[in-house]
């Protein structure tokens, strides 16, 4: 145990969102494993808020506002959320100019969660929830992107997840002046425990390599 406090070794178990990890975490995991040859890494990829103790995790990367959960955390950046659609959809249905206009549009809603179809915006300087709907509801964000790309409606998503679609000209963002407050990204570990060398050195590397303030 004393050795684990001093030198990274053994298994490091990290939880992270399924779409976020391959792009942002994997290069850091690769660098970390090259630096620390005695460490094995297990990545548990899930969009659910997995409990560290129940999941057997040493740390977790979470995107979202944090409740008082008894965890220690370090902020890594923020995520911007946007509304987007295809040029063909806008040609056929018009382009919304205000979040209230979404009530007259087909919106591809992600089902599940506490408030499906509740999209947040900043209106008159205050956070406002707009309830949207449409004929298509899906359970995964990857299906939202596919449906919107087919012109079936408008989507609501973290910007970083659709950057490639924007770059390819397949989708466009609407009324970015009403963007909601950005969502924070944290790395968390259990409070009251001295972090092991594995946890400490991985957090140090995350802090140096991840630049997430412009997502």
N, C-alpha and C. Protein backbone atom coordinates (compact mmCIF):
# COMPACT_ATOMS: atom_id res chain seq x y z
N UNK A 1 0.83 -1.20 0.00
CA UNK A 1 0.00 0.00 0.00
C UNK A 1 0.86 1.25 0.00
N UNK A 2 1.95 1.23 0.81
CA UNK A 2 2.84 2.39 0.84
C UNK A 2 3.46 2.63 -0.53
N UNK A 3 3.83 1.55 -1.20
CA UNK A 3 4.43 1.68 -2.53
C UNK A 3 3.44 2.29 -3.51
N UNK A 4 2.14 1.92 -3.39
CA UNK A 4 1.11 2.46 -4.30
C UNK A 4 0.96 3.96 -4.12
N UNK A 5 1.24 4.47 -2.91
CA UNK A 5 1.16 5.90 -2.67
C UNK A 5 2.31 6.65 -3.35
N UNK A 6 3.42 5.97 -3.57
CA UNK A 6 4.63 6.64 -4.04
C UNK A 6 4.86 6.47 -5.54
N UNK A 7 4.62 5.29 -6.05
CA UNK A 7 4.93 4.99 -7.46
C UNK A 7 3.73 4.37 -8.15
N UNK A 8 3.33 4.90 -9.32
CA UNK A 8 2.18 4.33 -10.04
C UNK A 8 2.42 2.87 -10.39
N UNK A 9 1.45 2.02 -10.02
CA UNK A 9 1.54 0.59 -10.33
C UNK A 9 0.17 -0.03 -10.14
N UNK A 10 -0.01 -1.22 -10.67
CA UNK A 10 -1.28 -1.92 -10.51
C UNK A 10 -2.31 -1.44 -11.52
N UNK A 11 -3.59 -1.44 -11.12
CA UNK A 11 -4.69 -1.13 -12.03
C UNK A 11 -5.31 0.23 -11.68
N UNK A 12 -5.50 1.07 -12.69
CA UNK A 12 -6.20 2.34 -12.54
C UNK A 12 -7.54 2.22 -13.27
N UNK A 13 -8.64 2.39 -12.52
CA UNK A 13 -9.98 2.25 -13.09
C UNK A 13 -10.61 3.63 -13.24
N UNK A 14 -10.93 3.99 -14.48
CA UNK A 14 -11.42 5.33 -14.80
C UNK A 14 -12.77 5.22 -15.49
N UNK A 15 -13.76 5.96 -15.00
CA UNK A 15 -15.06 6.04 -15.67
C UNK A 15 -15.15 7.32 -16.48
N UNK A 16 -15.84 7.26 -17.62
CA UNK A 16 -15.95 8.43 -18.48
C UNK A 16 -17.12 8.27 -19.44
N UNK A 17 -17.67 9.38 -19.97
CA UNK A 17 -18.74 9.30 -20.95
C UNK A 17 -18.29 8.56 -22.21
N UNK A 18 -19.22 7.80 -22.80
CA UNK A 18 -18.88 6.90 -23.90
C UNK A 18 -18.37 7.64 -25.14
N UNK A 19 -18.97 8.79 -25.49
CA UNK A 19 -18.53 9.50 -26.68
C UNK A 19 -17.32 10.39 -26.41
N UNK A 20 -17.16 10.82 -25.18
CA UNK A 20 -16.08 11.74 -24.82
C UNK A 20 -14.73 11.03 -24.76
N UNK A 21 -14.72 9.82 -24.21
CA UNK A 21 -13.46 9.15 -23.91
C UNK A 21 -12.59 8.85 -25.13
N UNK A 22 -13.13 8.28 -26.21
CA UNK A 22 -12.24 7.93 -27.33
C UNK A 22 -11.49 9.14 -27.90
N UNK A 23 -12.14 10.26 -28.01
CA UNK A 23 -11.50 11.43 -28.61
C UNK A 23 -10.58 12.17 -27.65
N UNK A 24 -11.02 12.35 -26.40
CA UNK A 24 -10.30 13.22 -25.48
C UNK A 24 -9.44 12.48 -24.47
N UNK A 25 -9.89 11.33 -23.99
CA UNK A 25 -9.14 10.62 -22.96
C UNK A 25 -8.12 9.64 -23.51
N UNK A 26 -8.44 8.99 -24.63
CA UNK A 26 -7.56 7.92 -25.10
C UNK A 26 -6.14 8.40 -25.39
N UNK A 27 -5.93 9.57 -26.02
CA UNK A 27 -4.55 10.02 -26.20
C UNK A 27 -3.81 10.22 -24.87
N UNK A 28 -4.53 10.65 -23.84
CA UNK A 28 -3.91 10.86 -22.53
C UNK A 28 -3.64 9.53 -21.86
N UNK A 29 -4.57 8.58 -21.99
CA UNK A 29 -4.34 7.24 -21.45
C UNK A 29 -3.10 6.63 -22.10
N UNK A 30 -2.96 6.79 -23.41
CA UNK A 30 -1.80 6.24 -24.12
C UNK A 30 -0.50 6.86 -23.60
N UNK A 31 -0.50 8.18 -23.45
CA UNK A 31 0.70 8.85 -22.93
C UNK A 31 1.01 8.39 -21.50
N UNK A 32 -0.05 8.28 -20.70
CA UNK A 32 0.13 7.86 -19.30
C UNK A 32 0.73 6.46 -19.22
N UNK A 33 0.23 5.55 -20.04
CA UNK A 33 0.73 4.18 -19.99
C UNK A 33 2.15 4.07 -20.52
N UNK A 34 2.52 4.95 -21.45
CA UNK A 34 3.92 4.96 -21.90
C UNK A 34 4.85 5.48 -20.80
N UNK A 35 4.35 6.41 -19.99
CA UNK A 35 5.17 6.96 -18.91
C UNK A 35 5.25 6.02 -17.71
N UNK A 36 4.17 5.26 -17.48
CA UNK A 36 4.09 4.43 -16.27
C UNK A 36 3.81 2.98 -16.69
N UNK A 37 4.88 2.26 -16.95
CA UNK A 37 4.78 0.91 -17.52
C UNK A 37 4.20 -0.10 -16.55
N UNK A 38 4.17 0.20 -15.26
CA UNK A 38 3.65 -0.74 -14.28
C UNK A 38 2.15 -0.61 -14.06
N UNK A 39 1.51 0.31 -14.77
CA UNK A 39 0.09 0.56 -14.57
C UNK A 39 -0.73 -0.06 -15.70
N UNK A 40 -1.80 -0.75 -15.35
CA UNK A 40 -2.82 -1.17 -16.30
C UNK A 40 -4.03 -0.27 -16.11
N UNK A 41 -4.70 0.08 -17.21
CA UNK A 41 -5.84 1.00 -17.15
C UNK A 41 -7.10 0.28 -17.60
N UNK A 42 -8.17 0.44 -16.83
CA UNK A 42 -9.49 -0.04 -17.22
C UNK A 42 -10.40 1.17 -17.39
N UNK A 43 -10.95 1.34 -18.59
CA UNK A 43 -11.88 2.43 -18.88
C UNK A 43 -13.30 1.89 -18.86
N UNK A 44 -14.13 2.45 -18.00
CA UNK A 44 -15.54 2.08 -17.92
C UNK A 44 -16.34 3.20 -18.59
N UNK A 45 -16.85 2.96 -19.79
CA UNK A 45 -17.48 4.00 -20.58
C UNK A 45 -19.00 3.91 -20.45
N UNK A 46 -19.58 4.98 -19.94
CA UNK A 46 -21.03 5.02 -19.73
C UNK A 46 -21.46 6.47 -19.63
N UNK A 47 -22.65 6.78 -20.14
CA UNK A 47 -23.19 8.13 -20.00
C UNK A 47 -23.96 8.29 -18.70
N UNK A 48 -24.14 7.22 -17.93
CA UNK A 48 -24.80 7.31 -16.64
C UNK A 48 -23.81 7.80 -15.59
N UNK A 49 -24.35 8.42 -14.52
CA UNK A 49 -23.51 8.88 -13.42
C UNK A 49 -23.23 7.68 -12.51
N UNK A 50 -22.15 6.97 -12.80
CA UNK A 50 -21.81 5.76 -12.07
C UNK A 50 -21.21 6.13 -10.71
N UNK A 51 -21.65 5.45 -9.66
CA UNK A 51 -21.10 5.65 -8.34
C UNK A 51 -19.69 5.04 -8.28
N UNK A 52 -18.74 5.81 -7.78
CA UNK A 52 -17.36 5.34 -7.77
C UNK A 52 -17.19 4.07 -6.95
N UNK A 53 -17.76 4.07 -5.74
CA UNK A 53 -17.58 2.92 -4.86
C UNK A 53 -18.27 1.69 -5.43
N UNK A 54 -19.54 1.85 -5.85
CA UNK A 54 -20.28 0.71 -6.38
C UNK A 54 -19.67 0.19 -7.67
N UNK A 55 -19.11 1.10 -8.47
CA UNK A 55 -18.53 0.70 -9.75
C UNK A 55 -17.09 0.25 -9.65
N UNK A 56 -16.50 0.33 -8.46
CA UNK A 56 -15.11 -0.07 -8.29
C UNK A 56 -14.14 0.83 -9.02
N UNK A 57 -14.48 2.12 -9.15
CA UNK A 57 -13.66 3.06 -9.91
C UNK A 57 -12.76 3.88 -8.99
N UNK A 58 -11.61 4.26 -9.51
CA UNK A 58 -10.70 5.15 -8.78
C UNK A 58 -11.05 6.61 -9.03
N UNK A 59 -11.55 6.91 -10.21
CA UNK A 59 -11.91 8.28 -10.56
C UNK A 59 -12.88 8.23 -11.72
N UNK A 60 -13.55 9.37 -11.97
CA UNK A 60 -14.51 9.43 -13.06
C UNK A 60 -14.50 10.83 -13.65
N UNK A 61 -14.64 10.91 -14.98
CA UNK A 61 -14.83 12.18 -15.66
C UNK A 61 -16.31 12.36 -15.90
N UNK A 62 -16.88 13.47 -15.45
CA UNK A 62 -18.31 13.72 -15.59
C UNK A 62 -18.56 15.05 -16.26
N UNK A 63 -19.56 15.05 -17.14
CA UNK A 63 -20.01 16.27 -17.81
C UNK A 63 -21.38 16.62 -17.23
N UNK A 64 -21.47 17.74 -16.56
CA UNK A 64 -22.74 18.13 -15.95
C UNK A 64 -22.51 18.85 -14.64
N UNK A 65 -23.56 19.53 -14.17
CA UNK A 65 -23.48 20.19 -12.87
C UNK A 65 -23.42 19.13 -11.78
N UNK A 66 -22.63 19.41 -10.75
CA UNK A 66 -22.38 18.42 -9.72
C UNK A 66 -23.27 18.65 -8.50
N UNK A 67 -23.83 17.57 -8.01
CA UNK A 67 -24.53 17.62 -6.72
C UNK A 67 -23.50 17.47 -5.61
N UNK A 68 -23.93 17.68 -4.39
CA UNK A 68 -23.06 17.47 -3.23
C UNK A 68 -22.96 15.97 -3.00
N UNK A 69 -21.94 15.36 -3.60
CA UNK A 69 -21.89 13.90 -3.65
C UNK A 69 -20.81 13.28 -2.78
N UNK A 70 -20.09 14.09 -1.99
CA UNK A 70 -19.03 13.52 -1.18
C UNK A 70 -17.80 13.16 -1.99
N UNK A 71 -17.63 13.78 -3.15
CA UNK A 71 -16.48 13.52 -4.00
C UNK A 71 -15.60 14.76 -4.08
N UNK A 72 -14.31 14.53 -4.23
CA UNK A 72 -13.37 15.61 -4.51
C UNK A 72 -13.33 15.79 -6.03
N UNK A 73 -13.10 17.01 -6.49
CA UNK A 73 -13.12 17.23 -7.93
C UNK A 73 -12.17 18.31 -8.39
N UNK A 74 -11.83 18.24 -9.67
CA UNK A 74 -11.03 19.26 -10.34
C UNK A 74 -11.70 19.59 -11.66
N UNK A 75 -11.95 20.86 -11.90
CA UNK A 75 -12.62 21.29 -13.12
C UNK A 75 -11.65 21.23 -14.29
N UNK A 76 -12.11 20.64 -15.40
CA UNK A 76 -11.27 20.49 -16.58
C UNK A 76 -11.67 21.43 -17.71
N UNK A 77 -12.89 21.95 -17.69
CA UNK A 77 -13.35 22.82 -18.76
C UNK A 77 -14.86 22.89 -18.79
N UNK A 78 -15.40 23.36 -19.90
CA UNK A 78 -16.85 23.47 -20.06
C UNK A 78 -17.26 23.03 -21.46
N UNK A 79 -18.55 22.72 -21.60
CA UNK A 79 -19.12 22.25 -22.87
C UNK A 79 -20.23 23.21 -23.29
N UNK A 80 -20.21 23.63 -24.54
CA UNK A 80 -21.26 24.47 -25.09
C UNK A 80 -22.34 23.59 -25.72
N UNK A 81 -23.64 23.96 -25.52
CA UNK A 81 -24.76 23.23 -26.11
C UNK A 81 -25.44 24.09 -27.17
N UNK A 82 -25.81 23.46 -28.30
CA UNK A 82 -26.35 24.20 -29.44
C UNK A 82 -27.52 23.45 -30.07
N UNK A 83 -28.33 24.20 -30.83
CA UNK A 83 -29.39 23.64 -31.67
C UNK A 83 -28.88 23.62 -33.11
N UNK A 84 -29.15 22.53 -33.83
CA UNK A 84 -28.60 22.39 -35.18
C UNK A 84 -29.58 21.66 -36.09
N UNK A 85 -29.42 21.87 -37.38
CA UNK A 85 -30.24 21.20 -38.37
C UNK A 85 -29.56 21.24 -39.72
N UNK A 86 -30.14 20.54 -40.70
CA UNK A 86 -29.54 20.50 -42.03
C UNK A 86 -30.04 21.66 -42.89
N UNK A 87 -29.25 22.08 -43.89
CA UNK A 87 -29.74 23.09 -44.83
C UNK A 87 -31.06 22.69 -45.49
N UNK A 88 -31.23 21.40 -45.78
CA UNK A 88 -32.48 20.96 -46.42
C UNK A 88 -33.67 21.12 -45.49
N UNK A 89 -33.48 20.85 -44.20
CA UNK A 89 -34.58 21.04 -43.25
C UNK A 89 -34.97 22.52 -43.20
N UNK A 90 -33.98 23.40 -43.12
CA UNK A 90 -34.28 24.84 -43.06
C UNK A 90 -34.96 25.31 -44.34
N UNK A 91 -34.57 24.76 -45.48
CA UNK A 91 -35.20 25.14 -46.75
C UNK A 91 -36.67 24.72 -46.78
N UNK A 92 -36.99 23.59 -46.17
CA UNK A 92 -38.36 23.08 -46.20
C UNK A 92 -39.24 23.62 -45.07
N UNK A 93 -38.66 23.94 -43.94
CA UNK A 93 -39.45 24.28 -42.75
C UNK A 93 -39.17 25.68 -42.20
N UNK A 94 -38.22 26.37 -42.78
CA UNK A 94 -37.84 27.67 -42.24
C UNK A 94 -36.80 27.55 -41.14
N UNK A 95 -36.18 28.67 -40.82
CA UNK A 95 -35.10 28.68 -39.84
C UNK A 95 -35.59 29.39 -38.58
N UNK A 96 -35.62 28.71 -37.44
CA UNK A 96 -36.07 29.38 -36.21
C UNK A 96 -35.13 30.52 -35.83
N UNK A 97 -35.71 31.61 -35.37
CA UNK A 97 -34.91 32.78 -34.98
C UNK A 97 -34.86 32.97 -33.47
N UNK A 98 -35.71 32.26 -32.75
CA UNK A 98 -35.77 32.39 -31.30
C UNK A 98 -36.13 31.01 -30.72
N UNK A 99 -35.67 30.69 -29.51
CA UNK A 99 -36.01 29.39 -28.93
C UNK A 99 -37.50 29.09 -28.87
N UNK A 100 -38.34 30.12 -28.69
CA UNK A 100 -39.78 29.90 -28.68
C UNK A 100 -40.29 29.36 -30.02
N UNK A 101 -39.57 29.66 -31.10
CA UNK A 101 -39.98 29.17 -32.43
C UNK A 101 -39.89 27.65 -32.53
N UNK A 102 -39.12 27.02 -31.64
CA UNK A 102 -38.94 25.57 -31.71
C UNK A 102 -40.24 24.81 -31.49
N UNK A 103 -41.21 25.44 -30.87
CA UNK A 103 -42.50 24.79 -30.62
C UNK A 103 -43.24 24.51 -31.93
N UNK A 104 -42.86 25.22 -33.01
CA UNK A 104 -43.48 25.00 -34.32
C UNK A 104 -42.60 24.12 -35.23
N UNK A 105 -41.55 23.52 -34.67
CA UNK A 105 -40.63 22.72 -35.47
C UNK A 105 -40.60 21.28 -34.99
N UNK A 106 -40.18 20.40 -35.90
CA UNK A 106 -39.92 19.01 -35.55
C UNK A 106 -38.58 18.94 -34.83
N UNK A 107 -38.57 18.52 -33.60
CA UNK A 107 -37.33 18.38 -32.83
C UNK A 107 -37.12 16.90 -32.53
N UNK A 108 -35.91 16.44 -32.76
CA UNK A 108 -35.57 15.04 -32.47
C UNK A 108 -35.20 14.97 -30.99
N UNK A 109 -36.06 14.33 -30.21
CA UNK A 109 -35.93 14.32 -28.75
C UNK A 109 -35.24 13.04 -28.31
N UNK A 110 -34.28 13.21 -27.41
CA UNK A 110 -33.67 12.04 -26.79
C UNK A 110 -34.57 11.58 -25.64
N UNK A 111 -35.06 10.39 -25.72
CA UNK A 111 -35.96 9.86 -24.69
C UNK A 111 -35.16 9.42 -23.47
N UNK A 112 -35.88 9.19 -22.39
CA UNK A 112 -35.22 8.81 -21.15
C UNK A 112 -34.76 10.04 -20.38
N UNK A 113 -34.19 9.82 -19.22
CA UNK A 113 -33.77 10.94 -18.38
C UNK A 113 -34.93 11.55 -17.64
N UNK A 114 -34.63 12.58 -16.86
CA UNK A 114 -35.65 13.20 -16.01
C UNK A 114 -36.59 14.10 -16.80
N UNK A 115 -36.07 14.82 -17.81
CA UNK A 115 -36.89 15.81 -18.52
C UNK A 115 -36.64 15.71 -20.02
N UNK A 116 -37.11 14.66 -20.67
CA UNK A 116 -36.91 14.55 -22.12
C UNK A 116 -37.64 15.67 -22.85
N UNK A 117 -36.97 16.25 -23.83
CA UNK A 117 -37.58 17.32 -24.60
C UNK A 117 -37.53 18.66 -23.93
N UNK A 118 -36.80 18.80 -22.82
CA UNK A 118 -36.63 20.08 -22.14
C UNK A 118 -35.26 20.64 -22.50
N UNK A 119 -35.23 21.62 -23.40
CA UNK A 119 -33.98 22.22 -23.86
C UNK A 119 -33.78 23.55 -23.16
N UNK A 120 -32.57 23.76 -22.67
CA UNK A 120 -32.25 24.97 -21.91
C UNK A 120 -31.63 26.04 -22.81
N UNK A 121 -31.98 27.31 -22.51
CA UNK A 121 -31.43 28.45 -23.23
C UNK A 121 -31.22 29.61 -22.25
N UNK A 122 -30.55 30.65 -22.74
CA UNK A 122 -30.44 31.90 -21.99
C UNK A 122 -31.28 32.93 -22.73
N UNK A 123 -32.35 33.41 -22.10
CA UNK A 123 -33.26 34.37 -22.71
C UNK A 123 -33.39 35.56 -21.76
N UNK A 124 -33.12 36.75 -22.29
CA UNK A 124 -33.12 37.97 -21.47
C UNK A 124 -32.20 37.84 -20.27
N UNK A 125 -31.07 37.17 -20.50
CA UNK A 125 -30.07 37.04 -19.45
C UNK A 125 -30.37 36.01 -18.38
N UNK A 126 -31.44 35.23 -18.55
CA UNK A 126 -31.83 34.25 -17.54
C UNK A 126 -31.97 32.86 -18.15
N UNK A 127 -31.70 31.82 -17.38
CA UNK A 127 -31.90 30.46 -17.90
C UNK A 127 -33.38 30.17 -18.08
N UNK A 128 -33.72 29.64 -19.25
CA UNK A 128 -35.11 29.32 -19.55
C UNK A 128 -35.19 27.94 -20.19
N UNK A 129 -36.18 27.18 -19.77
CA UNK A 129 -36.41 25.85 -20.34
C UNK A 129 -37.51 25.95 -21.39
N UNK A 130 -37.23 25.42 -22.57
CA UNK A 130 -38.22 25.36 -23.65
C UNK A 130 -38.57 23.90 -23.89
N UNK A 131 -39.86 23.59 -23.82
CA UNK A 131 -40.30 22.22 -24.06
C UNK A 131 -40.51 22.01 -25.55
N UNK A 132 -39.82 21.04 -26.13
CA UNK A 132 -39.91 20.77 -27.56
C UNK A 132 -40.45 19.36 -27.78
N UNK A 133 -40.88 19.10 -29.00
CA UNK A 133 -41.40 17.78 -29.34
C UNK A 133 -41.25 17.54 -30.83
N UNK A 134 -41.54 16.34 -31.24
CA UNK A 134 -41.48 15.97 -32.65
C UNK A 134 -41.93 14.54 -32.83
N UNK A 135 -42.08 14.10 -34.06
CA UNK A 135 -42.58 12.75 -34.32
C UNK A 135 -41.56 11.64 -34.09
N UNK A 136 -40.28 12.03 -33.86
CA UNK A 136 -39.24 11.01 -33.67
C UNK A 136 -38.57 11.21 -32.32
N UNK A 137 -38.51 10.12 -31.55
CA UNK A 137 -37.81 10.10 -30.27
C UNK A 137 -36.84 8.92 -30.28
N UNK A 138 -35.62 9.15 -29.80
CA UNK A 138 -34.60 8.10 -29.81
C UNK A 138 -33.92 8.05 -28.44
N UNK A 139 -33.26 6.95 -28.14
CA UNK A 139 -32.68 6.76 -26.82
C UNK A 139 -31.19 7.04 -26.75
N UNK A 140 -30.55 7.31 -27.89
CA UNK A 140 -29.10 7.53 -27.90
C UNK A 140 -28.76 8.76 -28.72
N UNK A 141 -27.72 9.48 -28.29
CA UNK A 141 -27.32 10.69 -29.00
C UNK A 141 -26.82 10.38 -30.40
N UNK A 142 -26.19 9.25 -30.61
CA UNK A 142 -25.72 8.92 -31.95
C UNK A 142 -26.89 8.84 -32.93
N UNK A 143 -28.04 8.36 -32.44
CA UNK A 143 -29.22 8.30 -33.30
C UNK A 143 -29.79 9.69 -33.54
N UNK A 144 -29.66 10.60 -32.57
CA UNK A 144 -30.07 12.00 -32.79
C UNK A 144 -29.28 12.59 -33.95
N UNK A 145 -27.98 12.41 -33.95
CA UNK A 145 -27.15 12.97 -35.01
C UNK A 145 -27.51 12.39 -36.37
N UNK A 146 -27.77 11.09 -36.41
CA UNK A 146 -28.13 10.45 -37.67
C UNK A 146 -29.47 10.96 -38.17
N UNK A 147 -30.45 11.11 -37.26
CA UNK A 147 -31.78 11.57 -37.66
C UNK A 147 -31.73 13.02 -38.16
N UNK A 148 -31.03 13.87 -37.45
CA UNK A 148 -30.93 15.27 -37.89
C UNK A 148 -30.21 15.34 -39.24
N UNK A 149 -29.18 14.55 -39.42
CA UNK A 149 -28.45 14.54 -40.69
C UNK A 149 -29.32 14.12 -41.85
N UNK A 150 -30.36 13.33 -41.56
CA UNK A 150 -31.32 12.90 -42.59
C UNK A 150 -32.42 13.93 -42.82
N UNK A 151 -32.36 15.06 -42.11
CA UNK A 151 -33.36 16.10 -42.30
C UNK A 151 -34.67 15.86 -41.58
N UNK A 152 -34.66 14.98 -40.56
CA UNK A 152 -35.90 14.63 -39.87
C UNK A 152 -36.30 15.64 -38.80
N UNK A 153 -35.44 16.57 -38.49
CA UNK A 153 -35.78 17.56 -37.47
C UNK A 153 -34.54 18.26 -36.96
N UNK A 154 -34.72 19.03 -35.88
CA UNK A 154 -33.63 19.76 -35.25
C UNK A 154 -33.14 18.98 -34.04
N UNK A 155 -31.86 19.12 -33.74
CA UNK A 155 -31.26 18.45 -32.60
C UNK A 155 -30.67 19.44 -31.63
N UNK A 156 -30.35 18.95 -30.44
CA UNK A 156 -29.77 19.75 -29.36
C UNK A 156 -28.63 18.93 -28.78
N UNK A 157 -27.42 19.50 -28.77
CA UNK A 157 -26.27 18.67 -28.47
C UNK A 157 -25.09 19.50 -28.00
N UNK A 158 -24.16 18.90 -27.25
CA UNK A 158 -22.87 19.55 -27.04
C UNK A 158 -22.21 19.81 -28.39
N UNK A 159 -21.62 20.99 -28.51
CA UNK A 159 -21.03 21.38 -29.79
C UNK A 159 -19.94 20.42 -30.25
N UNK A 160 -19.10 19.96 -29.32
CA UNK A 160 -17.97 19.14 -29.73
C UNK A 160 -18.40 17.84 -30.40
N UNK A 161 -19.62 17.37 -30.10
CA UNK A 161 -20.07 16.11 -30.69
C UNK A 161 -20.52 16.24 -32.15
N UNK A 162 -20.75 17.47 -32.61
CA UNK A 162 -21.21 17.65 -33.99
C UNK A 162 -20.25 18.51 -34.81
N UNK A 163 -19.06 18.78 -34.30
CA UNK A 163 -18.11 19.63 -35.03
C UNK A 163 -17.80 19.07 -36.41
N UNK A 164 -17.69 17.75 -36.51
CA UNK A 164 -17.37 17.15 -37.81
C UNK A 164 -18.51 17.34 -38.81
N UNK A 165 -19.76 17.32 -38.32
CA UNK A 165 -20.91 17.55 -39.21
C UNK A 165 -20.95 18.99 -39.69
N UNK A 166 -20.59 19.92 -38.82
CA UNK A 166 -20.52 21.33 -39.21
C UNK A 166 -19.41 21.54 -40.23
N UNK A 167 -18.24 20.97 -39.97
CA UNK A 167 -17.10 21.13 -40.88
C UNK A 167 -17.41 20.56 -42.26
N UNK A 168 -18.19 19.50 -42.31
CA UNK A 168 -18.55 18.88 -43.60
C UNK A 168 -19.72 19.59 -44.28
N UNK A 169 -20.30 20.59 -43.63
CA UNK A 169 -21.43 21.31 -44.21
C UNK A 169 -22.74 20.57 -44.14
N UNK A 170 -22.81 19.51 -43.33
CA UNK A 170 -24.04 18.71 -43.25
C UNK A 170 -25.08 19.33 -42.33
N UNK A 171 -24.63 20.06 -41.30
CA UNK A 171 -25.57 20.73 -40.40
C UNK A 171 -25.09 22.15 -40.13
N UNK A 172 -26.03 22.98 -39.64
CA UNK A 172 -25.73 24.36 -39.28
C UNK A 172 -26.33 24.66 -37.91
N UNK A 173 -25.69 25.55 -37.17
CA UNK A 173 -26.17 25.97 -35.85
C UNK A 173 -27.14 27.13 -36.01
N UNK A 174 -28.14 27.19 -35.15
CA UNK A 174 -29.08 28.31 -35.16
C UNK A 174 -29.01 29.08 -33.85
N UNK A 175 -29.37 30.35 -33.90
CA UNK A 175 -29.44 31.32 -32.79
C UNK A 175 -28.48 31.06 -31.63
N UNK A 176 -27.17 31.10 -31.93
CA UNK A 176 -26.20 30.87 -30.87
C UNK A 176 -26.20 31.96 -29.81
N UNK A 177 -26.87 33.09 -30.07
CA UNK A 177 -26.93 34.14 -29.05
C UNK A 177 -27.80 33.74 -27.85
N UNK A 178 -28.54 32.63 -27.97
CA UNK A 178 -29.36 32.15 -26.87
C UNK A 178 -28.77 30.91 -26.20
N UNK A 179 -27.49 30.66 -26.43
CA UNK A 179 -26.85 29.48 -25.83
C UNK A 179 -27.08 29.45 -24.31
N UNK A 180 -27.37 28.29 -23.75
CA UNK A 180 -27.46 28.18 -22.29
C UNK A 180 -26.08 28.28 -21.65
N UNK A 181 -26.05 28.41 -20.34
CA UNK A 181 -24.78 28.41 -19.64
C UNK A 181 -24.01 27.14 -19.97
N UNK A 182 -22.72 27.24 -20.20
CA UNK A 182 -21.96 26.03 -20.53
C UNK A 182 -21.96 25.04 -19.38
N UNK A 183 -21.82 23.76 -19.75
CA UNK A 183 -21.85 22.67 -18.77
C UNK A 183 -20.42 22.34 -18.35
N UNK A 184 -20.15 22.27 -17.05
CA UNK A 184 -18.78 21.99 -16.61
C UNK A 184 -18.37 20.52 -16.79
N UNK A 185 -17.07 20.32 -16.95
CA UNK A 185 -16.48 18.98 -17.00
C UNK A 185 -15.53 18.86 -15.81
N UNK A 186 -15.68 17.79 -15.03
CA UNK A 186 -14.82 17.57 -13.86
C UNK A 186 -14.23 16.17 -13.89
N UNK A 187 -13.09 16.02 -13.25
CA UNK A 187 -12.61 14.70 -12.86
C UNK A 187 -12.82 14.61 -11.35
N UNK A 188 -13.40 13.48 -10.90
CA UNK A 188 -13.79 13.32 -9.51
C UNK A 188 -13.16 12.08 -8.90
N UNK A 189 -12.88 12.18 -7.61
CA UNK A 189 -12.41 11.03 -6.86
C UNK A 189 -12.99 11.11 -5.46
N UNK A 190 -12.89 10.04 -4.69
CA UNK A 190 -13.58 9.97 -3.41
C UNK A 190 -12.93 10.88 -2.37
N UNK A 191 -13.79 11.59 -1.65
CA UNK A 191 -13.35 12.51 -0.61
C UNK A 191 -12.84 11.72 0.59
N UNK A 192 -11.86 12.29 1.27
CA UNK A 192 -11.38 11.68 2.50
C UNK A 192 -10.33 10.61 2.30
N UNK A 193 -10.00 10.33 1.05
CA UNK A 193 -8.95 9.35 0.77
C UNK A 193 -7.76 10.05 0.16
N UNK A 194 -6.57 9.76 0.67
CA UNK A 194 -5.37 10.28 0.03
C UNK A 194 -5.25 9.60 -1.33
N UNK A 195 -5.17 10.36 -2.42
CA UNK A 195 -5.13 9.71 -3.73
C UNK A 195 -3.87 8.86 -3.90
N UNK A 196 -4.04 7.73 -4.53
CA UNK A 196 -2.88 6.89 -4.82
C UNK A 196 -2.02 7.58 -5.86
N UNK A 197 -0.82 7.04 -6.05
CA UNK A 197 0.07 7.59 -7.07
C UNK A 197 -0.57 7.48 -8.45
N UNK A 198 -1.32 6.40 -8.70
CA UNK A 198 -2.02 6.24 -9.98
C UNK A 198 -2.97 7.41 -10.22
N UNK A 199 -3.83 7.69 -9.23
CA UNK A 199 -4.81 8.75 -9.36
C UNK A 199 -4.14 10.11 -9.47
N UNK A 200 -3.18 10.37 -8.60
CA UNK A 200 -2.52 11.68 -8.57
C UNK A 200 -1.82 11.99 -9.89
N UNK A 201 -1.07 11.03 -10.41
CA UNK A 201 -0.32 11.30 -11.64
C UNK A 201 -1.23 11.39 -12.85
N UNK A 202 -2.35 10.63 -12.86
CA UNK A 202 -3.28 10.72 -13.99
C UNK A 202 -3.99 12.06 -13.98
N UNK A 203 -4.40 12.55 -12.82
CA UNK A 203 -5.05 13.86 -12.73
C UNK A 203 -4.08 14.96 -13.16
N UNK A 204 -2.82 14.85 -12.77
CA UNK A 204 -1.82 15.84 -13.19
C UNK A 204 -1.70 15.88 -14.71
N UNK A 205 -1.69 14.71 -15.33
CA UNK A 205 -1.56 14.67 -16.78
C UNK A 205 -2.83 15.20 -17.46
N UNK A 206 -4.00 14.85 -16.93
CA UNK A 206 -5.25 15.39 -17.46
C UNK A 206 -5.24 16.91 -17.44
N UNK A 207 -4.80 17.48 -16.33
CA UNK A 207 -4.81 18.93 -16.18
C UNK A 207 -3.88 19.61 -17.18
N UNK A 208 -2.79 18.95 -17.50
CA UNK A 208 -1.84 19.53 -18.44
C UNK A 208 -2.29 19.41 -19.89
N UNK A 209 -2.93 18.29 -20.23
CA UNK A 209 -3.19 17.98 -21.63
C UNK A 209 -4.59 18.40 -22.11
N UNK A 210 -5.59 18.32 -21.24
CA UNK A 210 -6.95 18.63 -21.68
C UNK A 210 -7.19 20.14 -21.70
N UNK A 211 -7.55 20.65 -22.87
CA UNK A 211 -7.87 22.07 -23.02
C UNK A 211 -9.32 22.13 -23.52
N UNK A 212 -10.26 22.27 -22.58
CA UNK A 212 -11.66 22.07 -22.90
C UNK A 212 -12.52 23.32 -22.73
N UNK A 213 -11.90 24.49 -22.64
CA UNK A 213 -12.69 25.71 -22.39
C UNK A 213 -13.36 26.25 -23.64
N UNK A 214 -13.11 25.68 -24.79
CA UNK A 214 -13.70 26.21 -26.04
C UNK A 214 -14.48 25.16 -26.79
N UNK A 215 -14.98 24.14 -26.11
CA UNK A 215 -15.75 23.09 -26.77
C UNK A 215 -17.15 23.60 -27.12
